[in-house]
Amino acid sequence: LPKASVITELIVRFTPMFLDIAKKFKLPVIDLARTFNPHDSRDYGSTPIEPSNRSGLYIAEMARHIIRTFQFGKEDAKIYTGLVSDPDGDESNWRPLKVEVIDESFKDLEKYRTSLNKHMEDGRCHSF
């Protein structure tokens, strides 16, 4: 596998293309690169880019949240990052840590790279 820095750069360079499509069609996007904790091996499967069963749960819960709350065709495109359980500890009610409207700032590769690198350093979700 390539080094983490190479994978990060690929993510940074391809993300604007995906976000442009999401914006055009008003779709939600789950940013897994800024959701999984790079310092917690339980978030990864047998390779650094493969989700574990635990992070598969994150994906499913994030998708469930989006299906329940996002108004397809009405809302502007949004990017969902991070995942936290209900404040009462109800793990059946997960929600995204951050929800950001996809705007022109997401085309700024340096801002996204900085946000992603901060996440890689400390494992926390950073705004774009």
Foldseek 3Di string as FASTA:
>chain_A
DDDPVVVLVVCLVCVVVVLVVCQVQQEEAEDVLQAFQLVDCQQADPDSVHGHPVVVVVVVLAVVQCVVPPDGPPHGYKYFHYKDADPVPPNSRIYGPDIGGDDPVSVVSVVVSVQSVVCNVGVHHDDD
